Amino acid sequence: MIQVSKEVALKPIQLEDQGVLLEVIRKIYLPVYRHLWTDNGAFYFEKNYSIANLKQELAEKGSVYYFIHYKTKIIGILRIQFGKECVDFPGEAATKLHRIYLDPEVHGLGIGQLLLDWTIEQSKAHQSSLLWLEAMDTQKQSLQFYQKNHFQISGSFNLEVPNIIEKWQGMHTMFLRLL
């Protein structure tokens, strides 16, 4: 376990945790994102949280994947890809904040800020000059959070995956200069 604060810790996800990962992500993802999908997210879960995909993501060089613990409970997931170049900044040393999902029950407690600050410090320790992410252009609360933390939009694109409702396909690439 990595202690981020007195009450927040990160536990590395292992391949044998796939069932727990799927259970956790279903609990925290569906209340916020179910409306995006014609199939209630079934394709999304299979693509991103299957045993095959987890195996691939855990093997990816420079990536870390954690369960987020608050007190004694798993309340989310965090995946970071160190050394992951951003298409909008080719050749620049970068880290991608790939996934950060928190249980809606803990929104507003400052945990997202704590984890973003920790991710920034880890990115700097990995010699990244840029931290970047992809965010849905319709998720106003997320966009405001990142903009409050000085992230800027560098590009936009449509998420082209099966079963997503067309009006929800919009995505932004956002970045934060670290040095």
N, C-alpha and C. Protein backbone atom coordinates (compact mmCIF):
# COMPACT_ATOMS: atom_id res chain seq x y z
N MET A 1 0.84 -1.19 0.00
CA MET A 1 0.00 0.00 0.00
C MET A 1 0.88 1.25 0.00
N ILE A 2 0.44 2.22 -0.76
CA ILE A 2 1.10 3.52 -0.79
C ILE A 2 0.19 4.50 -0.07
N GLN A 3 0.68 5.08 1.01
CA GLN A 3 -0.12 6.06 1.76
C GLN A 3 0.01 7.41 1.07
N VAL A 4 -1.10 7.95 0.61
CA VAL A 4 -1.14 9.26 -0.01
C VAL A 4 -1.47 10.31 1.05
N SER A 5 -2.25 9.91 2.02
CA SER A 5 -2.59 10.74 3.18
C SER A 5 -2.93 9.79 4.33
N LYS A 6 -3.32 10.37 5.44
CA LYS A 6 -3.69 9.54 6.60
C LYS A 6 -4.83 8.58 6.26
N GLU A 7 -5.79 9.04 5.42
CA GLU A 7 -6.98 8.23 5.14
C GLU A 7 -7.05 7.67 3.73
N VAL A 8 -6.15 8.09 2.86
CA VAL A 8 -6.19 7.64 1.46
C VAL A 8 -4.92 6.84 1.15
N ALA A 9 -5.12 5.66 0.57
CA ALA A 9 -4.00 4.80 0.20
C ALA A 9 -4.27 4.20 -1.17
N LEU A 10 -3.19 3.81 -1.83
CA LEU A 10 -3.26 3.16 -3.14
C LEU A 10 -2.71 1.75 -3.02
N LYS A 11 -3.48 0.79 -3.55
CA LYS A 11 -3.04 -0.60 -3.55
C LYS A 11 -2.91 -1.05 -4.99
N PRO A 12 -1.73 -1.50 -5.40
CA PRO A 12 -1.57 -1.96 -6.79
C PRO A 12 -2.57 -3.06 -7.14
N ILE A 13 -3.15 -2.93 -8.32
CA ILE A 13 -4.07 -3.93 -8.83
C ILE A 13 -3.26 -5.06 -9.46
N GLN A 14 -3.63 -6.28 -9.14
CA GLN A 14 -2.99 -7.48 -9.68
C GLN A 14 -3.99 -8.18 -10.61
N LEU A 15 -3.49 -9.08 -11.44
CA LEU A 15 -4.35 -9.80 -12.37
C LEU A 15 -5.48 -10.55 -11.64
N GLU A 16 -5.16 -11.10 -10.49
CA GLU A 16 -6.18 -11.85 -9.74
C GLU A 16 -7.25 -10.93 -9.14
N ASP A 17 -7.08 -9.62 -9.24
CA ASP A 17 -8.06 -8.66 -8.74
C ASP A 17 -9.11 -8.28 -9.78
N GLN A 18 -9.08 -8.92 -10.95
CA GLN A 18 -9.95 -8.52 -12.05
C GLN A 18 -11.43 -8.53 -11.65
N GLY A 19 -11.87 -9.52 -10.91
CA GLY A 19 -13.28 -9.58 -10.49
C GLY A 19 -13.64 -8.42 -9.59
N VAL A 20 -12.78 -8.09 -8.65
CA VAL A 20 -13.01 -6.96 -7.75
C VAL A 20 -13.00 -5.66 -8.55
N LEU A 21 -12.04 -5.53 -9.47
CA LEU A 21 -11.95 -4.34 -10.32
C LEU A 21 -13.26 -4.13 -11.08
N LEU A 22 -13.76 -5.17 -11.69
CA LEU A 22 -15.01 -5.07 -12.45
C LEU A 22 -16.18 -4.67 -11.54
N GLU A 23 -16.23 -5.26 -10.37
CA GLU A 23 -17.30 -4.93 -9.41
C GLU A 23 -17.21 -3.46 -8.98
N VAL A 24 -16.01 -3.00 -8.68
CA VAL A 24 -15.80 -1.61 -8.24
C VAL A 24 -16.16 -0.63 -9.35
N ILE A 25 -15.67 -0.89 -10.57
CA ILE A 25 -15.91 0.06 -11.65
C ILE A 25 -17.39 0.10 -12.03
N ARG A 26 -18.06 -1.02 -11.99
CA ARG A 26 -19.52 -1.02 -12.27
C ARG A 26 -20.25 -0.14 -11.25
N LYS A 27 -19.85 -0.26 -9.99
CA LYS A 27 -20.52 0.50 -8.92
C LYS A 27 -20.30 2.00 -9.08
N ILE A 28 -19.09 2.41 -9.45
CA ILE A 28 -18.80 3.85 -9.47
C ILE A 28 -19.00 4.49 -10.84
N TYR A 29 -18.92 3.70 -11.90
CA TYR A 29 -19.04 4.25 -13.26
C TYR A 29 -20.49 4.43 -13.68
N LEU A 30 -21.31 3.43 -13.45
CA LEU A 30 -22.68 3.46 -13.97
C LEU A 30 -23.54 4.63 -13.48
N PRO A 31 -23.47 5.02 -12.21
CA PRO A 31 -24.31 6.16 -11.80
C PRO A 31 -24.00 7.45 -12.55
N VAL A 32 -22.77 7.60 -13.00
CA VAL A 32 -22.34 8.84 -13.65
C VAL A 32 -22.39 8.75 -15.18
N TYR A 33 -22.12 7.56 -15.73
CA TYR A 33 -21.92 7.44 -17.18
C TYR A 33 -22.89 6.50 -17.91
N ARG A 34 -23.82 5.89 -17.23
CA ARG A 34 -24.74 4.94 -17.87
C ARG A 34 -25.44 5.56 -19.08
N HIS A 35 -25.78 6.83 -18.99
CA HIS A 35 -26.53 7.51 -20.05
C HIS A 35 -25.77 7.62 -21.38
N LEU A 36 -24.48 7.36 -21.36
CA LEU A 36 -23.67 7.46 -22.58
C LEU A 36 -23.87 6.30 -23.55
N TRP A 37 -24.39 5.20 -23.04
CA TRP A 37 -24.35 3.94 -23.76
C TRP A 37 -25.73 3.40 -24.13
N THR A 38 -25.81 2.78 -25.28
CA THR A 38 -27.05 2.10 -25.68
C THR A 38 -27.18 0.74 -25.00
N ASP A 39 -26.06 0.24 -24.46
CA ASP A 39 -26.04 -1.10 -23.84
C ASP A 39 -25.69 -1.05 -22.35
N ASN A 40 -25.92 0.12 -21.71
CA ASN A 40 -25.59 0.32 -20.29
C ASN A 40 -24.11 0.10 -19.98
N GLY A 41 -23.27 0.29 -20.98
CA GLY A 41 -21.83 0.20 -20.76
C GLY A 41 -21.24 -1.19 -20.91
N ALA A 42 -22.02 -2.17 -21.35
CA ALA A 42 -21.53 -3.55 -21.46
C ALA A 42 -20.28 -3.63 -22.33
N PHE A 43 -20.29 -2.98 -23.49
CA PHE A 43 -19.12 -3.01 -24.36
C PHE A 43 -17.92 -2.36 -23.67
N TYR A 44 -18.15 -1.22 -23.04
CA TYR A 44 -17.08 -0.50 -22.34
C TYR A 44 -16.43 -1.39 -21.26
N PHE A 45 -17.25 -2.05 -20.46
CA PHE A 45 -16.71 -2.91 -19.41
C PHE A 45 -15.92 -4.08 -19.99
N GLU A 46 -16.45 -4.70 -21.02
CA GLU A 46 -15.76 -5.85 -21.63
C GLU A 46 -14.43 -5.41 -22.25
N LYS A 47 -14.44 -4.29 -22.93
CA LYS A 47 -13.22 -3.80 -23.60
C LYS A 47 -12.15 -3.39 -22.58
N ASN A 48 -12.54 -2.68 -21.54
CA ASN A 48 -11.57 -2.08 -20.63
C ASN A 48 -11.28 -2.85 -19.36
N TYR A 49 -12.16 -3.76 -18.96
CA TYR A 49 -11.99 -4.42 -17.67
C TYR A 49 -12.01 -5.94 -17.75
N SER A 50 -11.87 -6.48 -18.94
CA SER A 50 -11.78 -7.93 -19.10
C SER A 50 -10.43 -8.42 -18.57
N ILE A 51 -10.32 -9.70 -18.33
CA ILE A 51 -9.06 -10.27 -17.87
C ILE A 51 -7.97 -10.06 -18.91
N ALA A 52 -8.30 -10.19 -20.20
CA ALA A 52 -7.31 -10.00 -21.27
C ALA A 52 -6.80 -8.57 -21.30
N ASN A 53 -7.70 -7.60 -21.17
CA ASN A 53 -7.27 -6.20 -21.21
C ASN A 53 -6.47 -5.85 -19.96
N LEU A 54 -6.90 -6.35 -18.81
CA LEU A 54 -6.17 -6.07 -17.58
C LEU A 54 -4.75 -6.63 -17.67
N LYS A 55 -4.61 -7.83 -18.20
CA LYS A 55 -3.29 -8.44 -18.36
C LYS A 55 -2.40 -7.55 -19.23
N GLN A 56 -2.96 -7.06 -20.32
CA GLN A 56 -2.22 -6.17 -21.23
C GLN A 56 -1.83 -4.87 -20.53
N GLU A 57 -2.77 -4.26 -19.81
CA GLU A 57 -2.50 -2.99 -19.14
C GLU A 57 -1.48 -3.14 -18.02
N LEU A 58 -1.52 -4.24 -17.29
CA LEU A 58 -0.55 -4.46 -16.22
C LEU A 58 0.85 -4.70 -16.77
N ALA A 59 0.94 -5.24 -17.98
CA ALA A 59 2.24 -5.52 -18.59
C ALA A 59 2.85 -4.30 -19.28
N GLU A 60 2.06 -3.26 -19.47
CA GLU A 60 2.54 -2.09 -20.21
C GLU A 60 3.64 -1.37 -19.43
N LYS A 61 4.76 -1.19 -20.08
CA LYS A 61 5.91 -0.53 -19.46
C LYS A 61 5.55 0.90 -19.06
N GLY A 62 5.90 1.27 -17.84
CA GLY A 62 5.67 2.63 -17.37
C GLY A 62 4.29 2.89 -16.81
N SER A 63 3.44 1.86 -16.76
CA SER A 63 2.07 2.06 -16.26
C SER A 63 1.93 1.54 -14.84
N VAL A 64 1.13 2.24 -14.06
CA VAL A 64 0.76 1.80 -12.72
C VAL A 64 -0.76 1.85 -12.61
N TYR A 65 -1.31 0.93 -11.86
CA TYR A 65 -2.76 0.78 -11.77
C TYR A 65 -3.09 0.46 -10.32
N TYR A 66 -3.98 1.25 -9.71
CA TYR A 66 -4.26 1.12 -8.28
C TYR A 66 -5.75 1.10 -7.98
N PHE A 67 -6.08 0.42 -6.89
CA PHE A 67 -7.34 0.64 -6.21
C PHE A 67 -7.10 1.82 -5.27
N ILE A 68 -8.07 2.69 -5.16
CA ILE A 68 -8.00 3.81 -4.23
C ILE A 68 -8.79 3.41 -2.98
N HIS A 69 -8.11 3.47 -1.84
CA HIS A 69 -8.75 3.13 -0.57
C HIS A 69 -8.95 4.41 0.24
N TYR A 70 -10.12 4.55 0.80
CA TYR A 70 -10.42 5.64 1.73
C TYR A 70 -10.85 4.99 3.03
N LYS A 71 -10.09 5.24 4.06
CA LYS A 71 -10.27 4.56 5.33
C LYS A 71 -10.13 3.05 5.07
N THR A 72 -11.20 2.28 5.19
CA THR A 72 -11.08 0.83 5.00
C THR A 72 -11.77 0.34 3.74
N LYS A 73 -12.21 1.26 2.88
CA LYS A 73 -13.06 0.89 1.76
C LYS A 73 -12.42 1.26 0.41
N ILE A 74 -12.60 0.40 -0.59
CA ILE A 74 -12.16 0.73 -1.95
C ILE A 74 -13.19 1.70 -2.52
N ILE A 75 -12.70 2.88 -2.94
CA ILE A 75 -13.62 3.91 -3.42
C ILE A 75 -13.30 4.36 -4.86
N GLY A 76 -12.36 3.67 -5.51
CA GLY A 76 -12.06 4.08 -6.88
C GLY A 76 -10.85 3.39 -7.45
N ILE A 77 -10.49 3.85 -8.66
CA ILE A 77 -9.32 3.33 -9.36
C ILE A 77 -8.52 4.50 -9.93
N LEU A 78 -7.24 4.25 -10.09
CA LEU A 78 -6.32 5.24 -10.67
C LEU A 78 -5.32 4.50 -11.55
N ARG A 79 -5.20 4.93 -12.80
CA ARG A 79 -4.22 4.36 -13.72
C ARG A 79 -3.42 5.50 -14.34
N ILE A 80 -2.11 5.38 -14.26
CA ILE A 80 -1.19 6.40 -14.78
C ILE A 80 -0.22 5.72 -15.74
N GLN A 81 0.07 6.41 -16.85
CA GLN A 81 1.01 5.89 -17.84
C GLN A 81 2.18 6.87 -17.95
N PHE A 82 3.28 6.53 -17.28
CA PHE A 82 4.49 7.35 -17.37
C PHE A 82 5.15 7.10 -18.71
N GLY A 83 5.71 8.16 -19.30
CA GLY A 83 6.38 8.01 -20.59
C GLY A 83 5.42 7.85 -21.75
N LYS A 84 4.17 8.27 -21.58
CA LYS A 84 3.15 8.16 -22.62
C LYS A 84 3.02 9.50 -23.34
N GLU A 85 3.53 9.55 -24.55
CA GLU A 85 3.54 10.78 -25.34
C GLU A 85 2.12 11.23 -25.68
N CYS A 86 1.92 12.54 -25.66
CA CYS A 86 0.64 13.14 -26.04
C CYS A 86 0.71 13.50 -27.52
N VAL A 87 -0.30 13.12 -28.29
CA VAL A 87 -0.33 13.38 -29.72
C VAL A 87 -0.20 14.87 -30.03
N ASP A 88 -0.68 15.72 -29.13
CA ASP A 88 -0.62 17.17 -29.35
C ASP A 88 0.75 17.77 -29.04
N PHE A 89 1.63 16.99 -28.41
CA PHE A 89 2.96 17.46 -28.05
C PHE A 89 4.00 16.38 -28.35
N PRO A 90 4.18 16.06 -29.64
CA PRO A 90 5.09 14.97 -30.00
C PRO A 90 6.52 15.24 -29.52
N GLY A 91 7.14 14.17 -29.05
CA GLY A 91 8.53 14.26 -28.62
C GLY A 91 8.73 14.79 -27.22
N GLU A 92 7.67 15.23 -26.57
CA GLU A 92 7.80 15.80 -25.23
C GLU A 92 7.63 14.71 -24.17
N ALA A 93 8.45 14.76 -23.13
CA ALA A 93 8.36 13.80 -22.04
C ALA A 93 7.04 14.01 -21.31
N ALA A 94 6.18 13.00 -21.34
CA ALA A 94 4.82 13.18 -20.82
C ALA A 94 4.34 11.98 -20.03
N THR A 95 3.37 12.26 -19.17
CA THR A 95 2.65 11.25 -18.40
C THR A 95 1.17 11.42 -18.70
N LYS A 96 0.48 10.28 -18.88
CA LYS A 96 -0.96 10.33 -19.11
C LYS A 96 -1.69 9.87 -17.85
N LEU A 97 -2.60 10.70 -17.39
CA LEU A 97 -3.54 10.29 -16.36
C LEU A 97 -4.65 9.56 -17.10
N HIS A 98 -4.55 8.24 -17.13
CA HIS A 98 -5.40 7.44 -18.00
C HIS A 98 -6.79 7.21 -17.41
N ARG A 99 -6.84 6.86 -16.14
CA ARG A 99 -8.14 6.63 -15.49
C ARG A 99 -8.08 7.13 -14.05
N ILE A 100 -9.08 7.89 -13.71
CA ILE A 100 -9.31 8.21 -12.30
C ILE A 100 -10.82 8.25 -12.10
N TYR A 101 -11.31 7.28 -11.38
CA TYR A 101 -12.74 7.18 -11.09
C TYR A 101 -12.90 7.05 -9.58
N LEU A 102 -13.80 7.87 -9.04
CA LEU A 102 -14.10 7.84 -7.62
C LEU A 102 -15.59 7.58 -7.42
N ASP A 103 -15.90 6.84 -6.38
CA ASP A 103 -17.28 6.59 -6.00
C ASP A 103 -17.98 7.94 -5.76
N PRO A 104 -19.15 8.16 -6.37
CA PRO A 104 -19.87 9.42 -6.14
C PRO A 104 -20.10 9.73 -4.66
N GLU A 105 -20.11 8.70 -3.81
CA GLU A 105 -20.30 8.92 -2.37
C GLU A 105 -19.17 9.74 -1.75
N VAL A 106 -17.98 9.77 -2.37
CA VAL A 106 -16.86 10.51 -1.79
C VAL A 106 -16.54 11.79 -2.55
N HIS A 107 -17.35 12.11 -3.55
CA HIS A 107 -17.14 13.37 -4.27
C HIS A 107 -17.28 14.53 -3.27
N GLY A 108 -16.43 15.52 -3.43
CA GLY A 108 -16.49 16.69 -2.56
C GLY A 108 -15.65 16.59 -1.30
N LEU A 109 -14.97 15.46 -1.09
CA LEU A 109 -14.14 15.30 0.11
C LEU A 109 -12.68 15.70 -0.11
N GLY A 110 -12.33 16.11 -1.33
CA GLY A 110 -10.95 16.52 -1.62
C GLY A 110 -10.05 15.37 -2.05
N ILE A 111 -10.62 14.18 -2.22
CA ILE A 111 -9.80 13.02 -2.58
C ILE A 111 -9.28 13.15 -4.00
N GLY A 112 -10.11 13.63 -4.92
CA GLY A 112 -9.66 13.85 -6.29
C GLY A 112 -8.49 14.81 -6.34
N GLN A 113 -8.56 15.88 -5.59
CA GLN A 113 -7.46 16.87 -5.55
C GLN A 113 -6.19 16.24 -4.98
N LEU A 114 -6.35 15.50 -3.92
CA LEU A 114 -5.22 14.82 -3.29
C LEU A 114 -4.54 13.88 -4.29
N LEU A 115 -5.32 13.11 -5.03
CA LEU A 115 -4.77 12.16 -6.00
C LEU A 115 -4.16 12.87 -7.21
N LEU A 116 -4.76 13.97 -7.65
CA LEU A 116 -4.17 14.74 -8.74
C LEU A 116 -2.83 15.32 -8.31
N ASP A 117 -2.76 15.89 -7.12
CA ASP A 117 -1.50 16.44 -6.61
C ASP A 117 -0.43 15.34 -6.53
N TRP A 118 -0.82 14.16 -6.05
CA TRP A 118 0.12 13.04 -5.95
C TRP A 118 0.59 12.63 -7.35
N THR A 119 -0.34 12.58 -8.31
CA THR A 119 0.00 12.21 -9.69
C THR A 119 0.96 13.23 -10.30
N ILE A 120 0.75 14.49 -10.03
CA ILE A 120 1.66 15.53 -10.52
C ILE A 120 3.07 15.31 -9.97
N GLU A 121 3.16 15.04 -8.69
CA GLU A 121 4.48 14.80 -8.08
C GLU A 121 5.15 13.55 -8.66
N GLN A 122 4.38 12.49 -8.86
CA GLN A 122 4.93 11.28 -9.45
C GLN A 122 5.39 11.53 -10.89
N SER A 123 4.63 12.32 -11.63
CA SER A 123 4.98 12.64 -13.02
C SER A 123 6.30 13.41 -13.06
N LYS A 124 6.46 14.37 -12.17
CA LYS A 124 7.71 15.12 -12.09
C LYS A 124 8.87 14.19 -11.74
N ALA A 125 8.64 13.27 -10.82
CA ALA A 125 9.68 12.31 -10.42
C ALA A 125 10.09 11.42 -11.60
N HIS A 126 9.19 11.23 -12.55
CA HIS A 126 9.49 10.45 -13.76
C HIS A 126 9.98 11.33 -14.91
N GLN A 127 10.37 12.55 -14.56
CA GLN A 127 10.97 13.49 -15.52
C GLN A 127 10.02 13.95 -16.63
N SER A 128 8.74 13.93 -16.37
CA SER A 128 7.77 14.41 -17.35
C SER A 128 7.65 15.92 -17.27
N SER A 129 7.55 16.55 -18.41
CA SER A 129 7.32 17.99 -18.45
C SER A 129 5.85 18.31 -18.71
N LEU A 130 5.06 17.26 -18.92
CA LEU A 130 3.66 17.42 -19.29
C LEU A 130 2.83 16.30 -18.67
N LEU A 131 1.70 16.65 -18.08
CA LEU A 131 0.72 15.67 -17.64
C LEU A 131 -0.51 15.90 -18.50
N TRP A 132 -1.06 14.82 -19.07
CA TRP A 132 -2.21 14.98 -19.95
C TRP A 132 -3.25 13.92 -19.69
N LEU A 133 -4.45 14.17 -20.22
CA LEU A 133 -5.57 13.26 -20.03
C LEU A 133 -6.59 13.52 -21.13
N GLU A 134 -7.55 12.63 -21.19
CA GLU A 134 -8.68 12.79 -22.09
C GLU A 134 -9.94 12.83 -21.24
N ALA A 135 -10.80 13.84 -21.51
CA ALA A 135 -12.02 14.02 -20.73
C ALA A 135 -13.20 14.26 -21.66
N MET A 136 -14.34 13.75 -21.27
CA MET A 136 -15.56 13.95 -22.06
C MET A 136 -15.93 15.43 -22.04
N ASP A 137 -16.25 15.98 -23.21
CA ASP A 137 -16.55 17.40 -23.28
C ASP A 137 -17.89 17.78 -22.65
N THR A 138 -18.70 16.78 -22.30
CA THR A 138 -19.99 17.04 -21.67
C THR A 138 -19.95 16.86 -20.15
N GLN A 139 -18.84 16.40 -19.61
CA GLN A 139 -18.72 16.20 -18.17
C GLN A 139 -18.21 17.50 -17.53
N LYS A 140 -19.12 18.45 -17.35
CA LYS A 140 -18.77 19.81 -16.91
C LYS A 140 -18.03 19.82 -15.57
N GLN A 141 -18.45 18.97 -14.64
CA GLN A 141 -17.80 18.95 -13.33
C GLN A 141 -16.33 18.53 -13.45
N SER A 142 -16.06 17.52 -14.26
CA SER A 142 -14.68 17.08 -14.47
C SER A 142 -13.86 18.16 -15.16
N LEU A 143 -14.41 18.75 -16.19
CA LEU A 143 -13.70 19.80 -16.93
C LEU A 143 -13.38 20.98 -16.01
N GLN A 144 -14.33 21.39 -15.19
CA GLN A 144 -14.09 22.49 -14.25
C GLN A 144 -13.00 22.14 -13.25
N PHE A 145 -13.01 20.90 -12.77
CA PHE A 145 -11.98 20.46 -11.83
C PHE A 145 -10.59 20.57 -12.47
N TYR A 146 -10.44 20.05 -13.68
CA TYR A 146 -9.13 20.10 -14.33
C TYR A 146 -8.73 21.53 -14.69
N GLN A 147 -9.67 22.34 -15.14
CA GLN A 147 -9.35 23.72 -15.47
C GLN A 147 -8.98 24.51 -14.22
N LYS A 148 -9.62 24.23 -13.10
CA LYS A 148 -9.27 24.86 -11.82
C LYS A 148 -7.82 24.52 -11.44
N ASN A 149 -7.38 23.36 -11.89
CA ASN A 149 -6.01 22.91 -11.63
C ASN A 149 -5.06 23.24 -12.78
N HIS A 150 -5.44 24.22 -13.60
CA HIS A 150 -4.59 24.80 -14.65
C HIS A 150 -4.38 23.91 -15.86
N PHE A 151 -5.21 22.89 -16.04
CA PHE A 151 -5.16 22.13 -17.28
C PHE A 151 -5.79 22.98 -18.38
N GLN A 152 -5.26 22.82 -19.58
CA GLN A 152 -5.78 23.53 -20.75
C GLN A 152 -6.18 22.49 -21.80
N ILE A 153 -7.14 22.86 -22.62
CA ILE A 153 -7.56 22.00 -23.73
C ILE A 153 -6.58 22.18 -24.88
N SER A 154 -6.04 21.07 -25.37
CA SER A 154 -5.11 21.14 -26.50
C SER A 154 -5.72 20.57 -27.78
N GLY A 155 -6.80 19.83 -27.65
CA GLY A 155 -7.43 19.25 -28.83
C GLY A 155 -8.76 18.61 -28.49
N SER A 156 -9.51 18.29 -29.52
CA SER A 156 -10.81 17.65 -29.35
C SER A 156 -10.96 16.56 -30.40
N PHE A 157 -11.74 15.54 -30.06
CA PHE A 157 -11.98 14.44 -30.98
C PHE A 157 -13.27 13.74 -30.56
N ASN A 158 -13.74 12.85 -31.40
CA ASN A 158 -14.90 12.03 -31.07
C ASN A 158 -14.45 10.64 -30.67
N LEU A 159 -15.04 10.12 -29.62
CA LEU A 159 -14.77 8.77 -29.15
C LEU A 159 -15.54 7.82 -30.07
N GLU A 160 -14.82 7.11 -30.89
CA GLU A 160 -15.43 6.23 -31.89
C GLU A 160 -15.40 4.79 -31.39
N VAL A 161 -16.38 4.44 -30.57
CA VAL A 161 -16.49 3.07 -30.06
C VAL A 161 -17.93 2.60 -30.20
N PRO A 162 -18.13 1.30 -30.32
CA PRO A 162 -19.49 0.78 -30.44
C PRO A 162 -20.35 1.13 -29.21
N ASN A 163 -21.62 1.33 -29.47
CA ASN A 163 -22.65 1.49 -28.45
C ASN A 163 -22.64 2.80 -27.68
N ILE A 164 -21.76 3.75 -28.04
CA ILE A 164 -21.84 5.06 -27.40
C ILE A 164 -22.85 5.90 -28.19
N ILE A 165 -23.66 6.63 -27.48
CA ILE A 165 -24.66 7.49 -28.12
C ILE A 165 -23.92 8.67 -28.75
N GLU A 166 -24.24 8.96 -30.00
CA GLU A 166 -23.49 9.93 -30.80
C GLU A 166 -23.29 11.28 -30.11
N LYS A 167 -24.33 11.80 -29.48
CA LYS A 167 -24.21 13.13 -28.88
C LYS A 167 -23.25 13.17 -27.68
N TRP A 168 -22.81 12.00 -27.20
CA TRP A 168 -21.90 11.94 -26.06
C TRP A 168 -20.48 11.57 -26.46
N GLN A 169 -20.16 11.55 -27.75
CA GLN A 169 -18.85 11.12 -28.23
C GLN A 169 -17.74 12.16 -28.05
N GLY A 170 -18.08 13.39 -27.79
CA GLY A 170 -17.08 14.46 -27.74
C GLY A 170 -16.09 14.31 -26.60
N MET A 171 -14.82 14.47 -26.94
CA MET A 171 -13.73 14.35 -25.96
C MET A 171 -12.78 15.54 -26.13
N HIS A 172 -12.13 15.91 -25.03
CA HIS A 172 -11.06 16.90 -25.07
C HIS A 172 -9.77 16.23 -24.61
N THR A 173 -8.68 16.59 -25.24
CA THR A 173 -7.36 16.29 -24.71
C THR A 173 -6.96 17.52 -23.89
N MET A 174 -6.55 17.29 -22.64
CA MET A 174 -6.18 18.39 -21.75
C MET A 174 -4.76 18.14 -21.24
N PHE A 175 -4.05 19.23 -20.98
CA PHE A 175 -2.67 19.10 -20.54
C PHE A 175 -2.34 20.11 -19.46
N LEU A 176 -1.29 19.77 -18.70
CA LEU A 176 -0.75 20.64 -17.67
C LEU A 176 0.76 20.63 -17.81
N ARG A 177 1.35 21.80 -17.95
CA ARG A 177 2.82 21.92 -17.97
C ARG A 177 3.35 21.71 -16.56
N LEU A 178 4.37 20.89 -16.41
CA LEU A 178 4.90 20.57 -15.09
C LEU A 178 6.18 21.30 -14.75
N LEU A 179 6.90 21.77 -15.74
CA LEU A 179 8.19 22.43 -15.45
C LEU A 179 8.17 23.87 -15.85
